[in-house]
Protein backbone atom coordinates (compact mmCIF):
# COMPACT_ATOMS: atom_id res chain seq x y z
CA MET A 1 0.00 0.00 0.00
CA PRO A 2 1.51 3.41 -0.91
CA ASP A 3 2.28 6.02 1.73
CA SER A 4 -0.45 8.53 2.47
CA ALA A 5 -0.28 11.95 0.81
CA CYS A 6 -2.40 13.27 3.66
CA ALA A 7 -0.22 15.16 6.15
CA VAL A 8 -0.33 14.64 9.91
CA PRO A 9 -2.12 17.50 11.72
CA GLN A 10 0.31 19.84 13.51
CA GLY A 11 0.09 22.66 16.04
CA ILE A 12 -2.37 20.95 18.34
CA THR A 13 -3.29 23.09 21.33
CA VAL A 14 -5.74 22.69 24.17
CA THR A 15 -7.22 25.94 25.45
CA HIS A 16 -10.21 27.16 27.45
CA VAL A 17 -9.94 24.23 29.82
CA LEU A 18 -12.89 24.09 32.21
CA ASP A 19 -13.77 21.46 34.81
CA THR A 20 -15.75 19.41 32.32
CA ALA A 21 -14.79 20.65 28.83
CA ALA A 22 -11.85 21.81 26.73
CA ARG A 23 -11.27 23.45 23.35
CA ILE A 24 -8.84 21.61 21.05
CA GLU A 25 -7.52 23.13 17.85
CA TRP A 26 -4.90 22.32 15.22
CA LEU A 27 -3.55 23.71 11.97
CA PRO A 28 -5.46 22.84 8.77
CA VAL A 29 -4.08 20.08 6.56
CA PRO A 30 -4.13 20.88 2.82
CA GLY A 31 -6.62 18.60 1.07
CA ALA A 32 -8.28 17.40 4.28
CA GLU A 33 -12.05 16.97 4.00
CA ALA A 34 -12.52 16.20 7.70
CA TYR A 35 -10.65 15.10 10.80
CA ARG A 36 -10.92 12.39 13.41
CA LEU A 37 -10.24 13.41 17.01
CA GLU A 38 -9.67 10.82 19.72
CA GLY A 39 -9.25 11.28 23.43
CA ARG A 40 -8.82 9.17 26.53
CA ARG A 41 -8.01 9.45 30.20
CA VAL A 42 -4.28 9.00 30.77
CA GLY A 43 -3.57 5.43 31.85
CA THR A 44 -6.54 3.87 30.05
CA ASP A 45 -6.61 1.92 26.79
CA ARG A 46 -9.95 3.00 25.31
CA TRP A 47 -9.95 5.93 22.88
CA VAL A 48 -13.21 7.83 22.35
CA THR A 49 -13.56 8.94 18.73
CA ARG A 50 -15.42 11.93 17.30
CA GLY A 51 -15.52 13.34 13.80
CA ALA A 52 -14.67 16.96 13.09
CA LEU A 53 -15.33 19.04 9.98
CA SER A 54 -13.20 21.96 11.18
CA THR A 55 -9.94 22.39 13.05
CA VAL A 56 -11.60 23.42 16.31
CA GLU A 57 -13.54 21.10 18.61
CA ILE A 58 -15.09 21.56 22.01
CA VAL A 59 -14.80 18.30 23.96
CA PRO A 60 -17.53 18.01 26.63
CA ASN A 61 -18.14 15.52 29.42
CA LEU A 62 -14.62 15.54 30.87
CA ARG A 63 -14.04 14.63 34.51
CA PRO A 64 -12.68 17.35 36.80
CA ALA A 65 -9.05 16.96 38.02
CA THR A 66 -8.38 14.21 35.45
CA LEU A 67 -5.56 14.07 32.90
CA TYR A 68 -6.49 13.40 29.27
CA GLU A 69 -4.56 12.87 26.05
CA PHE A 70 -5.80 13.63 22.55
CA ARG A 71 -4.74 12.81 19.00
CA VAL A 72 -5.94 13.92 15.58
CA ARG A 73 -5.74 12.50 12.06
CA ALA A 74 -6.73 14.11 8.77
CA LEU A 75 -9.16 12.50 6.34
CA CYS A 76 -8.21 13.51 2.80
CA GLY A 77 -10.52 11.19 0.92
CA ILE A 78 -12.30 7.88 1.20
CA VAL A 79 -9.13 5.83 1.60
CA ASP A 80 -6.47 8.46 2.32
CA THR A 81 -5.94 9.23 6.00
CA SER A 82 -2.93 10.64 7.77
CA ALA A 83 -1.07 9.02 10.62
CA TRP A 84 -2.13 10.08 14.11
CA SER A 85 -0.62 13.26 15.48
């Protein structure tokens, strides 16, 4: 299978962190039609996936005083996706 031409999202930042929500944004990837954002509590194995049509997402339903990690991938077509950030 050839390498993906879809670039990995860069410049990921988490801002406006509240007790139960956070704003996550990243730089646009040329040719991306959408993005997939995943998050999980640090130390767990299960990623929660959500689709994103823009480079800004508000993630609700977070637990207060809990560490999370997030990753993003670009979707540049039906079969062309980037690696995870």
